[in-house]
Structure formats: structure tokens, C-alpha cells
Amino acid sequence: MDTVLSNGDILGQTGQTLRVVLMSKVLTTGLGIDMKLEDKLKTIHSLEELYGFANRRKVLGVDLPKWTEEERRLILARKYELEKANAK
């Protein structure tokens, strides 16, 4: 059985982390989770969690695909939303 990490990635039985969200494609994880990047970002409510998700390669110490420019734009937009909400 795969394990869903707090950042939305999947840790498989082999210990390999699989990316579950892509900009243009919805992936089914086998756990009943279908999620787009936009949807995943909406579930993140702190800058710390967003940092862990955005920097998952460094945080987890594994070789995962790099974010596309569009994915980076969406992550930064969520960062600005969280910063604005925290400034109130």
C-alpha cells in the first residue's frame, strides 16, 4: 500500500516517491485521490507547508521532476495569497 505524504506526494512500497500532481494531467494514485496542482495548492494553508511542497526534491532528498514554469507560477501565486492572508 502506498503512503500519501503531507506534501501530496506518494511514497511507494519500494520507497520511491512519485509525483502525484501535474499541471495539465490528473493522475490517479490508486488510493482514490485524483488531484490537479491547482487543487493541491488550495489544500496548503501555511508558508511552511508550501515550502516543503515546492522544494520537495531538497526536503525529501530524492530526484523528482523539476517544476515547469507554469507550475512555478502557480506555486508563487499561492505563496503571495498566503503572505497576504498572514499580513492581516
Protein backbone atom coordinates (compact mmCIF):
# COMPACT_ATOMS: atom_id res chain seq x y z
CA MET A 1 0.00 0.00 0.00
CA ASP A 2 1.31 3.44 -0.92
CA THR A 3 1.52 6.22 1.66
CA VAL A 4 0.41 9.80 0.98
CA LEU A 5 2.93 12.28 2.35
CA SER A 6 1.82 15.60 3.83
CA ASN A 7 3.05 17.42 0.72
CA GLY A 8 0.77 15.37 -1.52
CA ASP A 9 3.46 13.08 -2.91
CA ILE A 10 3.09 9.32 -2.78
CA LEU A 11 5.68 7.12 -1.10
CA GLY A 12 5.50 3.71 -2.77
CA GLN A 13 6.29 0.34 -1.23
CA THR A 14 9.76 0.46 -2.75
CA GLY A 15 10.45 3.77 -1.02
CA GLN A 16 10.34 5.63 -4.31
CA THR A 17 8.44 8.92 -4.16
CA LEU A 18 6.11 9.54 -7.07
CA ARG A 19 4.80 12.90 -8.14
CA VAL A 20 1.00 12.94 -7.99
CA VAL A 21 0.15 16.34 -9.37
CA LEU A 22 0.84 17.75 -12.77
CA MET A 23 -0.34 20.95 -14.37
CA SER A 24 -2.16 19.50 -17.36
CA LYS A 25 -2.86 15.95 -16.29
CA VAL A 26 -4.81 14.39 -13.45
CA LEU A 27 -3.18 11.29 -12.01
CA THR A 28 -4.97 8.56 -10.11
CA THR A 29 -2.83 7.31 -7.25
CA GLY A 30 -4.66 4.06 -6.60
CA LEU A 31 -5.84 5.46 -3.27
CA GLY A 32 -8.86 7.20 -4.72
CA ILE A 33 -7.05 10.53 -4.96
CA ASP A 34 -7.40 12.49 -8.20
CA MET A 35 -5.79 15.90 -7.92
CA LYS A 36 -4.52 18.75 -10.10
CA LEU A 37 -1.80 21.11 -8.94
CA GLU A 38 -4.32 23.91 -8.51
CA ASP A 39 -6.42 21.70 -6.22
CA LYS A 40 -3.39 20.59 -4.21
CA LEU A 41 -2.26 24.18 -3.69
CA LYS A 42 -5.69 25.08 -2.31
CA THR A 43 -5.19 22.49 0.45
CA ILE A 44 -1.97 24.18 1.63
CA HIS A 45 -2.64 26.74 4.37
CA SER A 46 0.83 27.69 5.65
CA LEU A 47 4.02 29.01 4.14
CA GLU A 48 5.97 26.21 5.81
CA GLU A 49 3.87 23.52 4.16
CA LEU A 50 4.09 25.30 0.81
CA TYR A 51 7.88 25.45 1.19
CA GLY A 52 8.02 21.70 1.79
CA PHE A 53 5.81 21.01 -1.21
CA ALA A 54 7.56 23.43 -3.56
CA ASN A 55 11.03 22.23 -2.53
CA ARG A 56 10.16 18.54 -2.28
CA ARG A 57 13.34 17.49 -4.09
CA LYS A 58 15.53 19.12 -1.42
CA VAL A 59 13.25 18.32 1.53
CA LEU A 60 12.86 14.64 0.67
CA GLY A 61 16.35 14.22 -0.76
CA VAL A 62 15.11 12.42 -3.86
CA ASP A 63 15.37 13.01 -7.59
CA LEU A 64 11.94 14.15 -8.78
CA PRO A 65 10.94 16.06 -11.92
CA LYS A 66 11.54 19.79 -11.70
CA TRP A 67 8.55 22.12 -11.74
CA THR A 68 7.61 23.65 -15.10
CA GLU A 69 7.47 27.44 -15.45
CA GLU A 70 3.66 27.30 -15.28
CA GLU A 71 3.77 25.16 -12.13
CA ARG A 72 6.25 27.60 -10.55
CA ARG A 73 3.90 30.47 -11.39
CA LEU A 74 1.01 28.71 -9.64
CA ILE A 75 3.14 27.94 -6.57
CA LEU A 76 4.32 31.56 -6.32
CA ALA A 77 0.75 32.80 -6.70
CA ARG A 78 -0.27 30.61 -3.74
CA LYS A 79 2.72 31.94 -1.76
CA TYR A 80 1.55 35.53 -2.34
CA GLU A 81 -2.01 34.58 -1.31
CA LEU A 82 -0.72 33.06 1.96
CA GLU A 83 1.54 36.04 2.66
CA LYS A 84 -1.35 38.43 2.10
CA ALA A 85 -3.61 36.40 4.38
CA ASN A 86 -0.93 36.31 7.11
CA ALA A 87 -0.40 40.09 6.91
CA LYS A 88 -3.95 40.78 8.14
